[in-house]
Amino acid sequence: MENDSLILSSHEDYTKLFDALSHPMRIKIAGVLSEKRRYVSELAKIMHMSRPLLYIHLKKLEEAAIVTGSYEISESGKSMKYYALRPFAVRLTPELLAELSKTIPVDLKSND
């Protein structure tokens, strides 16, 4: 993917990223997709996971813009959805957290 790397610019972007990677299976999916893009059925077999459950995890990764999905037509005419990992690098530092925290209002409602 040429120049399609993930850009994180707000605390919301980082929150989505951290939330998406907070589940071990989503980290595993990202790791598998780092090798190469895969279609859903292939990925479900590798992950030993049902397609509906896989789609739940992929949706979370897509919302964080870590993965992208695209449809392609196979030689047999079947529509297949492929997923790929977007290039990204995250360097988490105290300075970054301090900058991000400045944009978060103190009255932000917590889900806890």
PDB file of N, CA and C in Angstrom:
ATOM      1  N   MET A   1       0.840  -1.177   0.000  1.00  0.00           N
ATOM      2  CA  MET A   1       0.000   0.000   0.000  1.00  0.00           C
ATOM      3  C   MET A   1       0.877   1.229   0.000  1.00  0.00           C
ATOM      4  N   GLU A   2       0.871   1.912  -1.061  1.00  0.00           N
ATOM      5  CA  GLU A   2       1.719   3.071  -1.177  1.00  0.00           C
ATOM      6  C   GLU A   2       1.133   4.255  -0.432  1.00  0.00           C
ATOM      7  N   ASN A   3       1.913   4.734   0.544  1.00  0.00           N
ATOM      8  CA  ASN A   3       1.569   5.938   1.296  1.00  0.00           C
ATOM      9  C   ASN A   3       0.165   5.892   1.910  1.00  0.00           C
ATOM     10  N   ASP A   4      -0.250   4.747   2.357  1.00  0.00           N
ATOM     11  CA  ASP A   4      -1.553   4.608   2.997  1.00  0.00           C
ATOM     12  C   ASP A   4      -1.366   4.316   4.482  1.00  0.00           C
ATOM     13  N   SER A   5      -0.308   4.901   5.059  1.00  0.00           N
ATOM     14  CA  SER A   5      -0.032   4.595   6.458  1.00  0.00           C
ATOM     15  C   SER A   5      -0.979   5.334   7.396  1.00  0.00           C
ATOM     16  N   LEU A   6      -1.151   4.751   8.530  1.00  0.00           N
ATOM     17  CA  LEU A   6      -2.047   5.256   9.560  1.00  0.00           C
ATOM     18  C   LEU A   6      -1.453   6.520  10.173  1.00  0.00           C
ATOM     19  N   ILE A   7      -2.273   7.552  10.273  1.00  0.00           N
ATOM     20  CA  ILE A   7      -1.837   8.796  10.901  1.00  0.00           C
ATOM     21  C   ILE A   7      -2.684   9.021  12.146  1.00  0.00           C
ATOM     22  N   LEU A   8      -2.008   9.130  13.262  1.00  0.00           N
ATOM     23  CA  LEU A   8      -2.672   9.361  14.541  1.00  0.00           C
ATOM     24  C   LEU A   8      -2.424  10.808  14.936  1.00  0.00           C
ATOM     25  N   SER A   9      -3.505  11.567  15.111  1.00  0.00           N
ATOM     26  CA  SER A   9      -3.315  12.985  15.412  1.00  0.00           C
ATOM     27  C   SER A   9      -4.094  13.476  16.617  1.00  0.00           C
ATOM     28  N   SER A  10      -5.024  12.705  17.123  1.00  0.00           N
ATOM     29  CA  SER A  10      -5.835  13.169  18.242  1.00  0.00           C
ATOM     30  C   SER A  10      -5.924  12.084  19.315  1.00  0.00           C
ATOM     31  N   HIS A  11      -6.366  12.504  20.491  1.00  0.00           N
ATOM     32  CA  HIS A  11      -6.521  11.503  21.552  1.00  0.00           C
ATOM     33  C   HIS A  11      -7.568  10.467  21.168  1.00  0.00           C
ATOM     34  N   GLU A  12      -8.570  10.847  20.355  1.00  0.00           N
ATOM     35  CA  GLU A  12      -9.564   9.869  19.893  1.00  0.00           C
ATOM     36  C   GLU A  12      -8.915   8.799  19.015  1.00  0.00           C
ATOM     37  N   ASP A  13      -7.986   9.215  18.147  1.00  0.00           N
ATOM     38  CA  ASP A  13      -7.275   8.251  17.294  1.00  0.00           C
ATOM     39  C   ASP A  13      -6.503   7.235  18.134  1.00  0.00           C
ATOM     40  N   TYR A  14      -5.792   7.736  19.137  1.00  0.00           N
ATOM     41  CA  TYR A  14      -5.010   6.842  19.996  1.00  0.00           C
ATOM     42  C   TYR A  14      -5.920   5.947  20.835  1.00  0.00           C
ATOM     43  N   THR A  15      -7.021   6.497  21.310  1.00  0.00           N
ATOM     44  CA  THR A  15      -7.970   5.701  22.096  1.00  0.00           C
ATOM     45  C   THR A  15      -8.516   4.543  21.267  1.00  0.00           C
ATOM     46  N   LYS A  16      -8.897   4.819  20.013  1.00  0.00           N
ATOM     47  CA  LYS A  16      -9.389   3.754  19.132  1.00  0.00           C
ATOM     48  C   LYS A  16      -8.314   2.703  18.890  1.00  0.00           C
ATOM     49  N   LEU A  17      -7.081   3.151  18.670  1.00  0.00           N
ATOM     50  CA  LEU A  17      -5.984   2.215  18.440  1.00  0.00           C
ATOM     51  C   LEU A  17      -5.759   1.323  19.656  1.00  0.00           C
ATOM     52  N   PHE A  18      -5.654   1.947  20.827  1.00  0.00           N
ATOM     53  CA  PHE A  18      -5.409   1.166  22.042  1.00  0.00           C
ATOM     54  C   PHE A  18      -6.569   0.223  22.338  1.00  0.00           C
ATOM     55  N   ASP A  19      -7.784   0.693  22.122  1.00  0.00           N
ATOM     56  CA  ASP A  19      -8.959  -0.147  22.337  1.00  0.00           C
ATOM     57  C   ASP A  19      -8.946  -1.336  21.378  1.00  0.00           C
ATOM     58  N   ALA A  20      -8.637  -1.075  20.112  1.00  0.00           N
ATOM     59  CA  ALA A  20      -8.619  -2.154  19.113  1.00  0.00           C
ATOM     60  C   ALA A  20      -7.563  -3.199  19.440  1.00  0.00           C
ATOM     61  N   LEU A  21      -6.439  -2.765  19.981  1.00  0.00           N
ATOM     62  CA  LEU A  21      -5.351  -3.701  20.280  1.00  0.00           C
ATOM     63  C   LEU A  21      -5.389  -4.210  21.721  1.00  0.00           C
ATOM     64  N   SER A  22      -6.487  -3.951  22.428  1.00  0.00           N
ATOM     65  CA  SER A  22      -6.582  -4.389  23.822  1.00  0.00           C
ATOM     66  C   SER A  22      -7.013  -5.845  23.960  1.00  0.00           C
ATOM     67  N   HIS A  23      -7.345  -6.483  22.850  1.00  0.00           N
ATOM     68  CA  HIS A  23      -7.760  -7.891  22.888  1.00  0.00           C
ATOM     69  C   HIS A  23      -6.686  -8.750  22.217  1.00  0.00           C
ATOM     70  N   PRO A  24      -6.245  -9.825  22.868  1.00  0.00           N
ATOM     71  CA  PRO A  24      -5.182 -10.666  22.297  1.00  0.00           C
ATOM     72  C   PRO A  24      -5.503 -11.213  20.906  1.00  0.00           C
ATOM     73  N   MET A  25      -6.760 -11.546  20.633  1.00  0.00           N
ATOM     74  CA  MET A  25      -7.092 -12.089  19.315  1.00  0.00           C
ATOM     75  C   MET A  25      -6.947 -11.026  18.221  1.00  0.00           C
ATOM     76  N   ARG A  26      -7.213  -9.766  18.553  1.00  0.00           N
ATOM     77  CA  ARG A  26      -7.039  -8.714  17.551  1.00  0.00           C
ATOM     78  C   ARG A  26      -5.554  -8.464  17.288  1.00  0.00           C
ATOM     79  N   ILE A  27      -4.733  -8.615  18.325  1.00  0.00           N
ATOM     80  CA  ILE A  27      -3.286  -8.525  18.112  1.00  0.00           C
ATOM     81  C   ILE A  27      -2.841  -9.669  17.210  1.00  0.00           C
ATOM     82  N   LYS A  28      -3.372 -10.862  17.451  1.00  0.00           N
ATOM     83  CA  LYS A  28      -3.030 -12.031  16.625  1.00  0.00           C
ATOM     84  C   LYS A  28      -3.464 -11.810  15.177  1.00  0.00           C
ATOM     85  N   ILE A  29      -4.678 -11.297  14.978  1.00  0.00           N
ATOM     86  CA  ILE A  29      -5.172 -11.016  13.618  1.00  0.00           C
ATOM     87  C   ILE A  29      -4.244 -10.028  12.928  1.00  0.00           C
ATOM     88  N   ALA A  30      -3.867  -8.968  13.627  1.00  0.00           N
ATOM     89  CA  ALA A  30      -2.956  -7.975  13.043  1.00  0.00           C
ATOM     90  C   ALA A  30      -1.620  -8.621  12.687  1.00  0.00           C
ATOM     91  N   GLY A  31      -1.138  -9.496  13.548  1.00  0.00           N
ATOM     92  CA  GLY A  31       0.116 -10.195  13.264  1.00  0.00           C
ATOM     93  C   GLY A  31       0.032 -11.070  12.036  1.00  0.00           C
ATOM     94  N   VAL A  32      -1.069 -11.796  11.895  1.00  0.00           N
ATOM     95  CA  VAL A  32      -1.264 -12.655  10.712  1.00  0.00           C
ATOM     96  C   VAL A  32      -1.350 -11.787   9.449  1.00  0.00           C
ATOM     97  N   LEU A  33      -2.070 -10.676   9.551  1.00  0.00           N
ATOM     98  CA  LEU A  33      -2.210  -9.795   8.387  1.00  0.00           C
ATOM     99  C   LEU A  33      -0.918  -9.042   8.070  1.00  0.00           C
ATOM    100  N   SER A  34      -0.006  -8.962   9.023  1.00  0.00           N
ATOM    101  CA  SER A  34       1.271  -8.294   8.747  1.00  0.00           C
ATOM    102  C   SER A  34       2.108  -9.094   7.750  1.00  0.00           C
ATOM    103  N   GLU A  35       1.843 -10.404   7.674  1.00  0.00           N
ATOM    104  CA  GLU A  35       2.562 -11.260   6.730  1.00  0.00           C
ATOM    105  C   GLU A  35       2.104 -11.007   5.307  1.00  0.00           C
ATOM    106  N   LYS A  36       0.769 -10.913   5.125  1.00  0.00           N
ATOM    107  CA  LYS A  36       0.175 -10.619   3.816  1.00  0.00           C
ATOM    108  C   LYS A  36      -1.328 -10.453   3.981  1.00  0.00           C
ATOM    109  N   ARG A  37      -1.956  -9.841   2.997  1.00  0.00           N
ATOM    110  CA  ARG A  37      -3.412  -9.686   3.054  1.00  0.00           C
ATOM    111  C   ARG A  37      -4.063 -11.047   2.885  1.00  0.00           C
ATOM    112  N   ARG A  38      -5.244 -11.190   3.460  1.00  0.00           N
ATOM    113  CA  ARG A  38      -5.927 -12.483   3.417  1.00  0.00           C
ATOM    114  C   ARG A  38      -7.418 -12.277   3.240  1.00  0.00           C
ATOM    115  N   TYR A  39      -8.068 -13.249   2.627  1.00  0.00           N
ATOM    116  CA  TYR A  39      -9.527 -13.165   2.524  1.00  0.00           C
ATOM    117  C   TYR A  39     -10.138 -13.778   3.779  1.00  0.00           C
ATOM    118  N   VAL A  40     -11.361 -13.412   4.063  1.00  0.00           N
ATOM    119  CA  VAL A  40     -11.998 -13.715   5.340  1.00  0.00           C
ATOM    120  C   VAL A  40     -11.997 -15.206   5.660  1.00  0.00           C
ATOM    121  N   SER A  41     -12.390 -16.051   4.734  1.00  0.00           N
ATOM    122  CA  SER A  41     -12.448 -17.491   5.020  1.00  0.00           C
ATOM    123  C   SER A  41     -11.069 -18.042   5.371  1.00  0.00           C
ATOM    124  N   GLU A  42     -10.066 -17.589   4.657  1.00  0.00           N
ATOM    125  CA  GLU A  42      -8.696 -18.022   4.929  1.00  0.00           C
ATOM    126  C   GLU A  42      -8.269 -17.570   6.329  1.00  0.00           C
ATOM    127  N   LEU A  43      -8.561 -16.330   6.661  1.00  0.00           N
ATOM    128  CA  LEU A  43      -8.201 -15.787   7.968  1.00  0.00           C
ATOM    129  C   LEU A  43      -8.946 -16.515   9.089  1.00  0.00           C
ATOM    130  N   ALA A  44     -10.217 -16.829   8.873  1.00  0.00           N
ATOM    131  CA  ALA A  44     -11.005 -17.552   9.876  1.00  0.00           C
ATOM    132  C   ALA A  44     -10.389 -18.933  10.140  1.00  0.00           C
ATOM    133  N   LYS A  45      -9.931 -19.614   9.096  1.00  0.00           N
ATOM    134  CA  LYS A  45      -9.297 -20.925   9.268  1.00  0.00           C
ATOM    135  C   LYS A  45      -7.999 -20.808  10.055  1.00  0.00           C
ATOM    136  N   ILE A  46      -7.191 -19.819   9.708  1.00  0.00           N
ATOM    137  CA  ILE A  46      -5.921 -19.619  10.415  1.00  0.00           C
ATOM    138  C   ILE A  46      -6.162 -19.323  11.889  1.00  0.00           C
ATOM    139  N   MET A  47      -7.182 -18.523  12.160  1.00  0.00           N
ATOM    140  CA  MET A  47      -7.479 -18.093  13.531  1.00  0.00           C
ATOM    141  C   MET A  47      -8.301 -19.129  14.313  1.00  0.00           C
ATOM    142  N   HIS A  48      -8.777 -20.190  13.635  1.00  0.00           N
ATOM    143  CA  HIS A  48      -9.660 -21.174  14.275  1.00  0.00           C
ATOM    144  C   HIS A  48     -10.850 -20.463  14.920  1.00  0.00           C
ATOM    145  N   MET A  49     -11.491 -19.621  14.113  1.00  0.00           N
ATOM    146  CA  MET A  49     -12.548 -18.752  14.606  1.00  0.00           C
ATOM    147  C   MET A  49     -13.691 -18.739  13.599  1.00  0.00           C
ATOM    148  N   SER A  50     -14.904 -18.610  14.102  1.00  0.00           N
ATOM    149  CA  SER A  50     -16.045 -18.501  13.191  1.00  0.00           C
ATOM    150  C   SER A  50     -15.959 -17.165  12.439  1.00  0.00           C
ATOM    151  N   ARG A  51     -16.524 -17.148  11.262  1.00  0.00           N
ATOM    152  CA  ARG A  51     -16.517 -15.901  10.492  1.00  0.00           C
ATOM    153  C   ARG A  51     -17.277 -14.789  11.199  1.00  0.00           C
ATOM    154  N   PRO A  52     -18.445 -15.048  11.820  1.00  0.00           N
ATOM    155  CA  PRO A  52     -19.128 -13.958  12.534  1.00  0.00           C
ATOM    156  C   PRO A  52     -18.273 -13.345  13.651  1.00  0.00           C
ATOM    157  N   LEU A  53     -17.585 -14.188  14.425  1.00  0.00           N
ATOM    158  CA  LEU A  53     -16.720 -13.668  15.481  1.00  0.00           C
ATOM    159  C   LEU A  53     -15.531 -12.917  14.884  1.00  0.00           C
ATOM    160  N   LEU A  54     -14.967 -13.451  13.828  1.00  0.00           N
ATOM    161  CA  LEU A  54     -13.858 -12.778  13.152  1.00  0.00           C
ATOM    162  C   LEU A  54     -14.289 -11.395  12.669  1.00  0.00           C
ATOM    163  N   TYR A  55     -15.478 -11.303  12.087  1.00  0.00           N
ATOM    164  CA  TYR A  55     -15.971 -10.008  11.612  1.00  0.00           C
ATOM    165  C   TYR A  55     -16.110  -8.999  12.745  1.00  0.00           C
ATOM    166  N   ILE A  56     -16.462  -9.452  13.938  1.00  0.00           N
ATOM    167  CA  ILE A  56     -16.550  -8.548  15.086  1.00  0.00           C
ATOM    168  C   ILE A  56     -15.177  -7.949  15.386  1.00  0.00           C
ATOM    169  N   HIS A  57     -14.162  -8.808  15.393  1.00  0.00           N
ATOM    170  CA  HIS A  57     -12.801  -8.333  15.652  1.00  0.00           C
ATOM    171  C   HIS A  57     -12.305  -7.441  14.506  1.00  0.00           C
ATOM    172  N   LEU A  58     -12.575  -7.839  13.276  1.00  0.00           N
ATOM    173  CA  LEU A  58     -12.126  -7.036  12.131  1.00  0.00           C
ATOM    174  C   LEU A  58     -12.796  -5.662  12.115  1.00  0.00           C
ATOM    175  N   LYS A  59     -14.053  -5.615  12.524  1.00  0.00           N
ATOM    176  CA  LYS A  59     -14.760  -4.330  12.575  1.00  0.00           C
ATOM    177  C   LYS A  59     -14.061  -3.379  13.547  1.00  0.00           C
ATOM    178  N   LYS A  60     -13.662  -3.893  14.688  1.00  0.00           N
ATOM    179  CA  LYS A  60     -12.968  -3.080  15.689  1.00  0.00           C
ATOM    180  C   LYS A  60     -11.626  -2.585  15.136  1.00  0.00           C
ATOM    181  N   LEU A  61     -10.918  -3.452  14.424  1.00  0.00           N
ATOM    182  CA  LEU A  61      -9.638  -3.065  13.825  1.00  0.00           C
ATOM    183  C   LEU A  61      -9.837  -2.058  12.691  1.00  0.00           C
ATOM    184  N   GLU A  62     -10.920  -2.218  11.939  1.00  0.00           N
ATOM    185  CA  GLU A  62     -11.233  -1.257  10.866  1.00  0.00           C
ATOM    186  C   GLU A  62     -11.600   0.105  11.435  1.00  0.00           C
ATOM    187  N   GLU A  63     -12.374   0.125  12.509  1.00  0.00           N
ATOM    188  CA  GLU A  63     -12.768   1.392  13.131  1.00  0.00           C
ATOM    189  C   GLU A  63     -11.556   2.180  13.605  1.00  0.00           C
ATOM    190  N   ALA A  64     -10.505   1.473  14.002  1.00  0.00           N
ATOM    191  CA  ALA A  64      -9.268   2.118  14.432  1.00  0.00           C
ATOM    192  C   ALA A  64      -8.345   2.391  13.250  1.00  0.00           C
ATOM    193  N   ALA A  65      -8.781   2.027  12.054  1.00  0.00           N
ATOM    194  CA  ALA A  65      -8.024   2.229  10.802  1.00  0.00           C
ATOM    195  C   ALA A  65      -6.718   1.443  10.766  1.00  0.00           C
ATOM    196  N   ILE A  66      -6.669   0.351  11.508  1.00  0.00           N
ATOM    197  CA  ILE A  66      -5.479  -0.510  11.498  1.00  0.00           C
ATOM    198  C   ILE A  66      -5.504  -1.446  10.296  1.00  0.00           C
ATOM    199  N   VAL A  67      -6.698  -1.899   9.938  1.00  0.00           N
ATOM    200  CA  VAL A  67      -6.840  -2.769   8.772  1.00  0.00           C
ATOM    201  C   VAL A  67      -7.807  -2.134   7.786  1.00  0.00           C
ATOM    202  N   THR A  68      -7.671  -2.538   6.542  1.00  0.00           N
ATOM    203  CA  THR A  68      -8.605  -2.115   5.497  1.00  0.00           C
ATOM    204  C   THR A  68      -9.157  -3.358   4.828  1.00  0.00           C
ATOM    205  N   GLY A  69     -10.381  -3.264   4.403  1.00  0.00           N
ATOM    206  CA  GLY A  69     -11.028  -4.374   3.708  1.00  0.00           C
ATOM    207  C   GLY A  69     -11.429  -3.944   2.314  1.00  0.00           C
ATOM    208  N   SER A  70     -11.320  -4.877   1.376  1.00  0.00           N
ATOM    209  CA  SER A  70     -11.733  -4.588   0.003  1.00  0.00           C
ATOM    210  C   SER A  70     -12.283  -5.861  -0.625  1.00  0.00           C
ATOM    211  N   TYR A  71     -13.289  -5.675  -1.460  1.00  0.00           N
ATOM    212  CA  TYR A  71     -13.900  -6.806  -2.163  1.00  0.00           C
ATOM    213  C   TYR A  71     -13.224  -7.020  -3.500  1.00  0.00           C
ATOM    214  N   GLU A  72     -13.062  -8.295  -3.854  1.00  0.00           N
ATOM    215  CA  GLU A  72     -12.542  -8.678  -5.164  1.00  0.00           C
ATOM    216  C   GLU A  72     -13.376  -9.836  -5.681  1.00  0.00           C
ATOM    217  N   ILE A  73     -13.441  -9.956  -6.975  1.00  0.00           N
ATOM    218  CA  ILE A  73     -14.162 -11.057  -7.610  1.00  0.00           C
ATOM    219  C   ILE A  73     -13.153 -12.146  -7.976  1.00  0.00           C
ATOM    220  N   SER A  74     -13.425 -13.362  -7.510  1.00  0.00           N
ATOM    221  CA  SER A  74     -12.532 -14.482  -7.809  1.00  0.00           C
ATOM    222  C   SER A  74     -12.754 -14.940  -9.255  1.00  0.00           C
ATOM    223  N   GLU A  75     -11.891 -15.843  -9.708  1.00  0.00           N
ATOM    224  CA  GLU A  75     -12.020 -16.386 -11.062  1.00  0.00           C
ATOM    225  C   GLU A  75     -13.355 -17.087 -11.273  1.00  0.00           C
ATOM    226  N   SER A  76     -13.917 -17.626 -10.193  1.00  0.00           N
ATOM    227  CA  SER A  76     -15.201 -18.323 -10.293  1.00  0.00           C
ATOM    228  C   SER A  76     -16.386 -17.356 -10.240  1.00  0.00           C
ATOM    229  N   GLY A  77     -16.094 -16.060 -10.050  1.00  0.00           N
ATOM    230  CA  GLY A  77     -17.154 -15.061 -10.004  1.00  0.00           C
ATOM    231  C   GLY A  77     -17.666 -14.766  -8.614  1.00  0.00           C
ATOM    232  N   LYS A  78     -17.056 -15.384  -7.612  1.00  0.00           N
ATOM    233  CA  LYS A  78     -17.477 -15.189  -6.222  1.00  0.00           C
ATOM    234  C   LYS A  78     -16.831 -13.924  -5.656  1.00  0.00           C
ATOM    235  N   SER A  79     -17.628 -13.151  -4.919  1.00  0.00           N
ATOM    236  CA  SER A  79     -17.110 -11.950  -4.261  1.00  0.00           C
ATOM    237  C   SER A  79     -16.372 -12.363  -2.991  1.00  0.00           C
ATOM    238  N   MET A  80     -15.138 -11.897  -2.848  1.00  0.00           N
ATOM    239  CA  MET A  80     -14.320 -12.256  -1.683  1.00  0.00           C
ATOM    240  C   MET A  80     -13.821 -10.977  -1.031  1.00  0.00           C
ATOM    241  N   LYS A  81     -13.921 -10.924   0.293  1.00  0.00           N
ATOM    242  CA  LYS A  81     -13.425  -9.754   1.007  1.00  0.00           C
ATOM    243  C   LYS A  81     -12.031 -10.044   1.552  1.00  0.00           C
ATOM    244  N   TYR A  82     -11.104  -9.191   1.171  1.00  0.00           N
ATOM    245  CA  TYR A  82      -9.726  -9.281   1.631  1.00  0.00           C
ATOM    246  C   TYR A  82      -9.466  -8.216   2.682  1.00  0.00           C
ATOM    247  N   TYR A  83      -8.636  -8.557   3.658  1.00  0.00           N
ATOM    248  CA  TYR A  83      -8.214  -7.601   4.665  1.00  0.00           C
ATOM    249  C   TYR A  83      -6.702  -7.494   4.637  1.00  0.00           C
ATOM    250  N   ALA A  84      -6.228  -6.271   4.875  1.00  0.00           N
ATOM    251  CA  ALA A  84      -4.795  -6.009   4.912  1.00  0.00           C
ATOM    252  C   ALA A  84      -4.492  -5.093   6.091  1.00  0.00           C
ATOM    253  N   LEU A  85      -3.320  -5.253   6.638  1.00  0.00           N
ATOM    254  CA  LEU A  85      -2.859  -4.391   7.719  1.00  0.00           C
ATOM    255  C   LEU A  85      -2.274  -3.124   7.116  1.00  0.00           C
ATOM    256  N   ARG A  86      -2.668  -1.985   7.651  1.00  0.00           N
ATOM    257  CA  ARG A  86      -2.105  -0.712   7.196  1.00  0.00           C
ATOM    258  C   ARG A  86      -0.767  -0.489   7.876  1.00  0.00           C
ATOM    259  N   PRO A  87       0.180   0.108   7.174  1.00  0.00           N
ATOM    260  CA  PRO A  87       1.467   0.412   7.815  1.00  0.00           C
ATOM    261  C   PRO A  87       1.279   1.444   8.930  1.00  0.00           C
ATOM    262  N   PHE A  88       1.930   1.222  10.046  1.00  0.00           N
ATOM    263  CA  PHE A  88       1.890   2.206  11.117  1.00  0.00           C
ATOM    264  C   PHE A  88       3.043   1.956  12.076  1.00  0.00           C
ATOM    265  N   ALA A  89       3.383   3.006  12.785  1.00  0.00           N
ATOM    266  CA  ALA A  89       4.365   2.924  13.857  1.00  0.00           C
ATOM    267  C   ALA A  89       3.885   3.852  14.956  1.00  0.00           C
ATOM    268  N   VAL A  90       3.935   3.363  16.169  1.00  0.00           N
ATOM    269  CA  VAL A  90       3.491   4.159  17.302  1.00  0.00           C
ATOM    270  C   VAL A  90       4.627   4.190  18.320  1.00  0.00           C
ATOM    271  N   ARG A  91       5.010   5.383  18.689  1.00  0.00           N
ATOM    272  CA  ARG A  91       6.017   5.549  19.735  1.00  0.00           C
ATOM    273  C   ARG A  91       5.329   6.240  20.901  1.00  0.00           C
ATOM    274  N   LEU A  92       5.100   5.492  21.938  1.00  0.00           N
ATOM    275  CA  LEU A  92       4.386   5.999  23.106  1.00  0.00           C
ATOM    276  C   LEU A  92       5.395   6.542  24.110  1.00  0.00           C
ATOM    277  N   THR A  93       5.283   7.809  24.393  1.00  0.00           N
ATOM    278  CA  THR A  93       6.202   8.453  25.325  1.00  0.00           C
ATOM    279  C   THR A  93       5.406   9.268  26.341  1.00  0.00           C
ATOM    280  N   PRO A  94       6.020   9.581  27.472  1.00  0.00           N
ATOM    281  CA  PRO A  94       5.347  10.470  28.424  1.00  0.00           C
ATOM    282  C   PRO A  94       5.000  11.826  27.794  1.00  0.00           C
ATOM    283  N   GLU A  95       5.861  12.311  26.919  1.00  0.00           N
ATOM    284  CA  GLU A  95       5.616  13.589  26.255  1.00  0.00           C
ATOM    285  C   GLU A  95       4.387  13.521  25.358  1.00  0.00           C
ATOM    286  N   LEU A  96       4.224  12.422  24.635  1.00  0.00           N
ATOM    287  CA  LEU A  96       3.042  12.253  23.787  1.00  0.00           C
ATOM    288  C   LEU A  96       1.780  12.225  24.646  1.00  0.00           C
ATOM    289  N   LEU A  97       1.826  11.473  25.729  1.00  0.00           N
ATOM    290  CA  LEU A  97       0.666  11.410  26.619  1.00  0.00           C
ATOM    291  C   LEU A  97       0.336  12.786  27.193  1.00  0.00           C
ATOM    292  N   ALA A  98       1.358  13.557  27.533  1.00  0.00           N
ATOM    293  CA  ALA A  98       1.128  14.908  28.052  1.00  0.00           C
ATOM    294  C   ALA A  98       0.453  15.783  26.995  1.00  0.00           C
ATOM    295  N   GLU A  99       0.920  15.697  25.751  1.00  0.00           N
ATOM    296  CA  GLU A  99       0.305  16.482  24.662  1.00  0.00           C
ATOM    297  C   GLU A  99      -1.137  16.056  24.416  1.00  0.00           C
ATOM    298  N   LEU A 100      -1.373  14.763  24.352  1.00  0.00           N
ATOM    299  CA  LEU A 100      -2.727  14.260  24.123  1.00  0.00           C
ATOM    300  C   LEU A 100      -3.659  14.648  25.266  1.00  0.00           C
ATOM    301  N   SER A 101      -3.151  14.592  26.490  1.00  0.00           N
ATOM    302  CA  SER A 101      -4.000  14.881  27.644  1.00  0.00           C
ATOM    303  C   SER A 101      -4.502  16.320  27.644  1.00  0.00           C
ATOM    304  N   LYS A 102      -3.767  17.222  27.012  1.00  0.00           N
ATOM    305  CA  LYS A 102      -4.179  18.632  26.948  1.00  0.00           C
ATOM    306  C   LYS A 102      -5.469  18.818  26.152  1.00  0.00           C
ATOM    307  N   THR A 103      -5.778  17.870  25.285  1.00  0.00           N
ATOM    308  CA  THR A 103      -6.971  17.995  24.441  1.00  0.00           C
ATOM    309  C   THR A 103      -8.178  17.257  25.014  1.00  0.00           C
ATOM    310  N   ILE A 104      -8.007  16.632  26.155  1.00  0.00           N
ATOM    311  CA  ILE A 104      -9.095  15.872  26.767  1.00  0.00           C
ATOM    312  C   ILE A 104      -9.723  16.716  27.879  1.00  0.00           C
ATOM    313  N   PRO A 105     -10.996  17.034  27.745  1.00  0.00           N
ATOM    314  CA  PRO A 105     -11.651  17.829  28.797  1.00  0.00           C
ATOM    315  C   PRO A 105     -11.762  17.025  30.097  1.00  0.00           C
ATOM    316  N   VAL A 106     -11.632  17.711  31.217  1.00  0.00           N
ATOM    317  CA  VAL A 106     -11.687  17.016  32.507  1.00  0.00           C
ATOM    318  C   VAL A 106     -13.071  16.498  32.840  1.00  0.00           C
ATOM    319  N   ASP A 107     -14.091  17.014  32.191  1.00  0.00           N
ATOM    320  CA  ASP A 107     -15.445  16.538  32.461  1.00  0.00           C
ATOM    321  C   ASP A 107     -15.860  15.421  31.509  1.00  0.00           C
ATOM    322  N   LEU A 108     -14.901  14.860  30.795  1.00  0.00           N
ATOM    323  CA  LEU A 108     -15.166  13.753  29.886  1.00  0.00           C
ATOM    324  C   LEU A 108     -15.766  12.604  30.679  1.00  0.00           C
ATOM    325  N   LYS A 109     -16.902  12.111  30.227  1.00  0.00           N
ATOM    326  CA  LYS A 109     -17.582  11.017  30.923  1.00  0.00           C
ATOM    327  C   LYS A 109     -16.829   9.713  30.689  1.00  0.00           C
ATOM    328  N   SER A 110     -16.657   8.963  31.748  1.00  0.00           N
ATOM    329  CA  SER A 110     -15.970   7.689  31.671  1.00  0.00           C
ATOM    330  C   SER A 110     -16.981   6.566  31.537  1.00  0.00           C
ATOM    331  N   ASN A 111     -16.584   5.494  30.860  1.00  0.00           N
ATOM    332  CA  ASN A 111     -17.433   4.310  30.740  1.00  0.00           C
ATOM    333  C   ASN A 111     -17.259   3.381  31.932  1.00  0.00           C
ATOM    334  N   ASP A 112     -16.398   3.753  32.862  1.00  0.00           N
ATOM    335  CA  ASP A 112     -16.135   2.877  34.015  1.00  0.00           C
ATOM    336  C   ASP A 112     -17.215   2.970  35.048  1.00  0.00           C
TER     337      ASP A 112
END
